[in-house]
């Protein structure tokens, strides 16, 4: 007996009922690959966000130092 699983709209995916079709080992391996991929994507995304944040902090800090230096030079 096959199982029919709704996929999109009125479309269904027919899954075989026998154990040769989809095994728990395959599903577990797929879940592991997905988890590893998500960890890499998250790490890469976090590194990009951190780099952007540090660039903004550095630019803001540099602007403040320059403004203070210019104020001191003009005061003399």
N, C-alpha and C. Protein backbone atom coordinates (compact mmCIF):
# COMPACT_ATOMS: atom_id res chain seq x y z
N UNK A 1 0.85 -1.17 0.00
CA UNK A 1 0.00 0.00 0.00
C UNK A 1 0.90 1.24 0.00
N UNK A 2 0.59 2.18 -0.86
CA UNK A 2 1.38 3.40 -0.95
C UNK A 2 0.70 4.52 -0.18
N UNK A 3 1.51 5.48 0.26
CA UNK A 3 0.97 6.65 0.94
C UNK A 3 1.07 7.84 0.00
N UNK A 4 0.02 8.63 -0.06
CA UNK A 4 0.00 9.81 -0.90
C UNK A 4 0.11 11.04 0.01
N UNK A 5 1.15 11.83 -0.21
CA UNK A 5 1.42 12.98 0.64
C UNK A 5 1.22 14.26 -0.16
N UNK A 6 0.36 15.19 0.33
CA UNK A 6 0.19 16.45 -0.40
C UNK A 6 1.48 17.26 -0.41
N UNK A 7 1.85 17.78 -1.57
CA UNK A 7 3.09 18.53 -1.71
C UNK A 7 2.81 19.99 -2.00
N UNK A 8 2.04 20.27 -3.04
CA UNK A 8 1.76 21.65 -3.43
C UNK A 8 0.38 21.69 -4.07
N UNK A 9 -0.48 22.51 -3.52
CA UNK A 9 -1.83 22.61 -4.08
C UNK A 9 -2.53 21.26 -4.09
N UNK A 10 -2.91 20.83 -5.28
CA UNK A 10 -3.58 19.54 -5.44
C UNK A 10 -2.62 18.43 -5.81
N UNK A 11 -1.34 18.72 -5.91
CA UNK A 11 -0.34 17.71 -6.28
C UNK A 11 0.01 16.87 -5.07
N UNK A 12 0.24 15.59 -5.32
CA UNK A 12 0.62 14.68 -4.24
C UNK A 12 1.85 13.89 -4.63
N UNK A 13 2.61 13.51 -3.65
CA UNK A 13 3.78 12.67 -3.85
C UNK A 13 3.43 11.29 -3.33
N UNK A 14 3.56 10.29 -4.19
CA UNK A 14 3.26 8.92 -3.78
C UNK A 14 4.53 8.29 -3.22
N UNK A 15 4.46 7.89 -1.98
CA UNK A 15 5.59 7.26 -1.32
C UNK A 15 5.37 5.75 -1.25
N UNK A 16 6.41 4.97 -1.54
CA UNK A 16 6.26 3.52 -1.46
C UNK A 16 6.08 3.07 -0.01
N UNK A 17 5.33 2.02 0.15
CA UNK A 17 5.06 1.51 1.49
C UNK A 17 6.14 0.55 1.95
N UNK A 18 6.93 0.02 1.02
CA UNK A 18 7.95 -0.95 1.44
C UNK A 18 9.16 -0.25 2.03
N UNK A 19 10.00 -1.00 2.71
CA UNK A 19 11.15 -0.42 3.40
C UNK A 19 12.28 -0.05 2.44
N UNK A 20 12.18 -0.48 1.17
CA UNK A 20 13.24 -0.15 0.20
C UNK A 20 13.13 1.28 -0.30
N UNK A 21 11.97 1.90 -0.14
CA UNK A 21 11.76 3.23 -0.68
C UNK A 21 12.51 4.31 0.08
N UNK A 22 12.16 4.53 1.31
CA UNK A 22 12.78 5.56 2.13
C UNK A 22 13.17 4.93 3.46
N UNK A 23 14.44 4.95 3.76
CA UNK A 23 14.87 4.33 5.01
C UNK A 23 15.12 5.39 6.07
N UNK A 24 15.07 4.98 7.30
CA UNK A 24 15.36 5.90 8.40
C UNK A 24 16.80 6.38 8.36
N UNK A 25 17.71 5.52 7.88
CA UNK A 25 19.12 5.92 7.76
C UNK A 25 19.28 7.06 6.77
N UNK A 26 18.57 6.98 5.63
CA UNK A 26 18.63 8.05 4.63
C UNK A 26 18.08 9.34 5.19
N UNK A 27 16.95 9.25 5.88
CA UNK A 27 16.35 10.45 6.46
C UNK A 27 17.26 11.06 7.52
N UNK A 28 17.90 10.23 8.31
CA UNK A 28 18.82 10.72 9.34
C UNK A 28 20.04 11.38 8.69
N UNK A 29 20.56 10.77 7.65
CA UNK A 29 21.72 11.34 6.95
C UNK A 29 21.34 12.68 6.32
N UNK A 30 20.15 12.76 5.72
CA UNK A 30 19.69 14.02 5.13
C UNK A 30 19.55 15.10 6.20
N UNK A 31 19.03 14.72 7.36
CA UNK A 31 18.88 15.69 8.45
C UNK A 31 20.24 16.17 8.94
N UNK A 32 21.22 15.27 9.00
CA UNK A 32 22.57 15.65 9.42
C UNK A 32 23.21 16.61 8.42
N UNK A 33 23.05 16.32 7.14
CA UNK A 33 23.61 17.20 6.10
C UNK A 33 22.95 18.57 6.18
N UNK A 34 21.64 18.60 6.36
CA UNK A 34 20.93 19.87 6.46
C UNK A 34 21.40 20.66 7.69
N UNK A 35 21.56 19.98 8.82
CA UNK A 35 22.02 20.66 10.03
C UNK A 35 23.42 21.23 9.85
N UNK A 36 24.31 20.46 9.22
CA UNK A 36 25.67 20.95 8.98
C UNK A 36 25.65 22.16 8.05
N UNK A 37 24.83 22.11 7.01
CA UNK A 37 24.74 23.21 6.06
C UNK A 37 24.20 24.46 6.75
N UNK A 38 23.17 24.30 7.57
CA UNK A 38 22.61 25.44 8.28
C UNK A 38 23.62 26.04 9.25
N UNK A 39 24.42 25.20 9.90
CA UNK A 39 25.45 25.71 10.81
C UNK A 39 26.47 26.54 10.04
N UNK A 40 26.87 26.08 8.86
CA UNK A 40 27.82 26.84 8.04
C UNK A 40 27.23 28.14 7.56
N UNK A 41 25.98 28.11 7.12
CA UNK A 41 25.32 29.32 6.65
C UNK A 41 25.19 30.32 7.80
N UNK A 42 24.78 29.84 8.97
CA UNK A 42 24.65 30.72 10.13
C UNK A 42 25.99 31.32 10.52
N UNK A 43 27.05 30.50 10.51
CA UNK A 43 28.37 30.99 10.88
C UNK A 43 28.85 32.04 9.88
N UNK A 44 28.63 31.78 8.59
CA UNK A 44 29.04 32.72 7.56
C UNK A 44 28.25 34.02 7.66
N UNK A 45 26.96 33.91 7.90
CA UNK A 45 26.10 35.08 8.03
C UNK A 45 26.51 35.90 9.25
N UNK A 46 26.76 35.22 10.38
CA UNK A 46 27.17 35.94 11.59
C UNK A 46 28.51 36.63 11.40
N UNK A 47 29.42 35.98 10.68
CA UNK A 47 30.72 36.61 10.42
C UNK A 47 30.54 37.87 9.57
N UNK A 48 29.65 37.81 8.57
CA UNK A 48 29.39 38.99 7.74
C UNK A 48 28.77 40.12 8.56
N UNK A 49 27.80 39.78 9.40
CA UNK A 49 27.16 40.79 10.24
C UNK A 49 28.16 41.42 11.19
N UNK A 50 29.00 40.59 11.80
CA UNK A 50 30.02 41.11 12.71
C UNK A 50 31.01 42.01 11.98
N UNK A 51 31.44 41.60 10.79
CA UNK A 51 32.38 42.42 10.02
C UNK A 51 31.75 43.77 9.65
N UNK A 52 30.48 43.75 9.24
CA UNK A 52 29.80 45.01 8.91
C UNK A 52 29.68 45.90 10.14
N UNK A 53 29.32 45.32 11.27
CA UNK A 53 29.18 46.08 12.51
C UNK A 53 30.53 46.69 12.92
N UNK A 54 31.59 45.90 12.84
CA UNK A 54 32.92 46.41 13.21
C UNK A 54 33.35 47.54 12.27
N UNK A 55 33.02 47.41 10.99
CA UNK A 55 33.36 48.47 10.04
C UNK A 55 32.63 49.76 10.39
N UNK A 56 31.36 49.64 10.76
CA UNK A 56 30.60 50.83 11.15
C UNK A 56 31.15 51.45 12.43
N UNK A 57 31.50 50.62 13.41
CA UNK A 57 32.06 51.12 14.67
C UNK A 57 33.39 51.80 14.42
N UNK A 58 34.24 51.17 13.59
CA UNK A 58 35.53 51.77 13.27
C UNK A 58 35.37 53.10 12.55
N UNK A 59 34.44 53.17 11.58
CA UNK A 59 34.22 54.41 10.84
C UNK A 59 33.70 55.50 11.77
N UNK A 60 32.80 55.15 12.66
CA UNK A 60 32.25 56.12 13.61
C UNK A 60 33.34 56.60 14.57
N UNK A 61 34.14 55.67 15.05
CA UNK A 61 35.23 56.01 15.96
C UNK A 61 36.25 56.91 15.27
N UNK A 62 36.60 56.57 14.03
CA UNK A 62 37.55 57.39 13.27
C UNK A 62 37.01 58.80 13.06
N UNK A 63 35.71 58.91 12.76
CA UNK A 63 35.10 60.22 12.55
C UNK A 63 35.14 61.04 13.83
N UNK A 64 34.89 60.42 14.97
CA UNK A 64 34.95 61.14 16.25
C UNK A 64 36.36 61.60 16.57
N UNK A 65 37.34 60.75 16.34
CA UNK A 65 38.73 61.12 16.60
C UNK A 65 39.14 62.27 15.69
N UNK A 66 38.77 62.20 14.43
CA UNK A 66 39.10 63.27 13.49
C UNK A 66 38.42 64.58 13.90
N UNK A 67 37.16 64.51 14.30
CA UNK A 67 36.44 65.73 14.73
C UNK A 67 37.11 66.33 15.96
N UNK A 68 37.49 65.48 16.92
CA UNK A 68 38.18 65.99 18.11
C UNK A 68 39.53 66.62 17.74
N UNK A 69 40.26 65.99 16.85
CA UNK A 69 41.57 66.49 16.44
C UNK A 69 41.40 67.85 15.73
N UNK A 70 40.41 67.93 14.84
CA UNK A 70 40.17 69.18 14.14
C UNK A 70 39.76 70.29 15.10
N UNK A 71 38.96 69.94 16.10
CA UNK A 71 38.53 70.94 17.10
C UNK A 71 39.75 71.45 17.87
N UNK A 72 40.67 70.56 18.20
CA UNK A 72 41.88 70.97 18.93
C UNK A 72 42.78 71.84 18.05
N UNK A 73 42.92 71.47 16.77
CA UNK A 73 43.76 72.23 15.86
C UNK A 73 43.18 73.62 15.64
N UNK A 74 41.88 73.72 15.48
CA UNK A 74 41.23 75.02 15.27
C UNK A 74 41.30 75.87 16.54
N UNK A 75 41.29 75.24 17.70
CA UNK A 75 41.35 75.98 18.96
C UNK A 75 42.71 76.61 19.16
N UNK A 76 43.75 75.99 18.64
CA UNK A 76 45.10 76.54 18.80
C UNK A 76 45.24 77.67 17.83
